[in-house]
Protein backbone atom coordinates (compact mmCIF):
# COMPACT_ATOMS: atom_id res chain seq x y z
CA UNK A 1 -17.84 -28.18 -89.16
CA UNK A 2 -20.23 -28.12 -86.49
CA UNK A 3 -23.19 -29.50 -86.25
CA UNK A 4 -27.02 -29.40 -84.86
CA UNK A 5 -28.72 -32.35 -84.71
CA UNK A 6 -32.44 -32.62 -84.34
CA UNK A 7 -34.11 -35.92 -83.46
CA UNK A 8 -37.22 -36.82 -82.10
CA UNK A 9 -37.13 -40.31 -80.00
CA UNK A 10 -40.17 -42.23 -78.79
CA UNK A 11 -39.69 -41.37 -74.56
CA UNK A 12 -42.83 -42.45 -72.23
CA UNK A 13 -41.72 -41.74 -69.07
CA UNK A 14 -38.03 -39.96 -67.00
CA UNK A 15 -36.06 -42.60 -67.04
CA UNK A 16 -36.41 -42.88 -71.47
CA UNK A 17 -35.35 -39.34 -71.43
CA UNK A 18 -32.76 -39.85 -69.12
CA UNK A 19 -31.33 -42.68 -71.43
CA UNK A 20 -31.42 -40.88 -74.57
CA UNK A 21 -29.07 -38.29 -73.27
CA UNK A 22 -26.73 -40.79 -72.00
CA UNK A 23 -26.69 -42.47 -75.22
CA UNK A 24 -26.33 -39.04 -77.32
CA UNK A 25 -24.09 -38.06 -74.64
CA UNK A 26 -21.30 -40.74 -74.94
CA UNK A 27 -21.04 -40.46 -78.94
CA UNK A 28 -17.47 -39.61 -80.32
CA UNK A 29 -17.24 -35.45 -81.01
CA UNK A 30 -20.62 -34.76 -79.28
CA UNK A 31 -19.99 -31.18 -77.12
CA UNK A 32 -23.75 -30.69 -76.14
CA UNK A 33 -27.09 -32.97 -75.63
CA UNK A 34 -30.51 -31.53 -74.51
CA UNK A 35 -33.83 -32.09 -75.20
CA UNK A 36 -36.71 -29.52 -77.02
CA UNK A 37 -40.00 -29.78 -77.91
CA UNK A 38 -43.26 -29.08 -76.06
CA UNK A 39 -43.36 -33.33 -75.17
CA UNK A 40 -39.43 -32.76 -74.63
CA UNK A 41 -39.45 -35.86 -76.74
CA UNK A 42 -36.47 -33.86 -79.41
CA UNK A 43 -32.94 -34.21 -78.38
CA UNK A 44 -30.74 -31.83 -79.78
CA UNK A 45 -27.36 -33.42 -80.00
CA UNK A 46 -24.41 -30.26 -80.89
CA UNK A 47 -20.70 -31.45 -81.57
CA UNK A 48 -18.31 -31.52 -84.89
CA UNK A 49 -17.92 -34.62 -87.39
CA UNK A 50 -20.76 -36.48 -85.62
CA UNK A 51 -21.36 -39.75 -87.72
CA UNK A 52 -25.29 -39.08 -87.79
CA UNK A 53 -26.43 -42.85 -89.07
CA UNK A 54 -24.07 -44.20 -86.05
CA UNK A 55 -25.98 -42.15 -83.29
CA UNK A 56 -29.67 -42.79 -84.88
CA UNK A 57 -28.72 -46.37 -84.92
CA UNK A 58 -27.42 -46.51 -81.19
CA UNK A 59 -30.29 -44.58 -80.01
CA UNK A 60 -33.08 -46.92 -81.73
CA UNK A 61 -31.46 -50.24 -80.26
CA UNK A 62 -30.70 -48.63 -76.77
CA UNK A 63 -34.35 -45.98 -76.53
CA UNK A 64 -36.87 -46.62 -78.96
CA UNK A 65 -37.88 -45.58 -82.75
CA UNK A 66 -35.90 -42.64 -83.49
CA UNK A 67 -36.24 -40.14 -85.90
CA UNK A 68 -34.06 -37.55 -87.02
CA UNK A 69 -35.46 -34.26 -87.56
CA UNK A 70 -32.99 -32.44 -88.73
CA UNK A 71 -28.80 -32.29 -89.61
CA UNK A 72 -27.61 -28.77 -90.09
CA UNK A 73 -24.27 -26.74 -89.62
CA UNK A 74 -24.55 -24.73 -86.34
CA UNK A 75 -24.32 -21.10 -86.89
CA UNK A 76 -21.41 -19.20 -85.04
CA UNK A 77 -22.48 -16.95 -82.33
CA UNK A 78 -20.64 -13.43 -81.70
């Protein structure tokens, strides 16, 4: 099951954005990582069988305040 996880992360600079992307990218079973939102403060992670709790805990420890906005099954593209 492919998941799409959207997290709001408190980021004050481009350095924080880079760090957030690196931390999310090294998580197990992650395929794609990107930034969304008007202020580029939402990290979008797409992967299969990603442990959401572990990912958010790691983001909080290494980057800063993190909130899970949504966890949904990714729709297949035709």
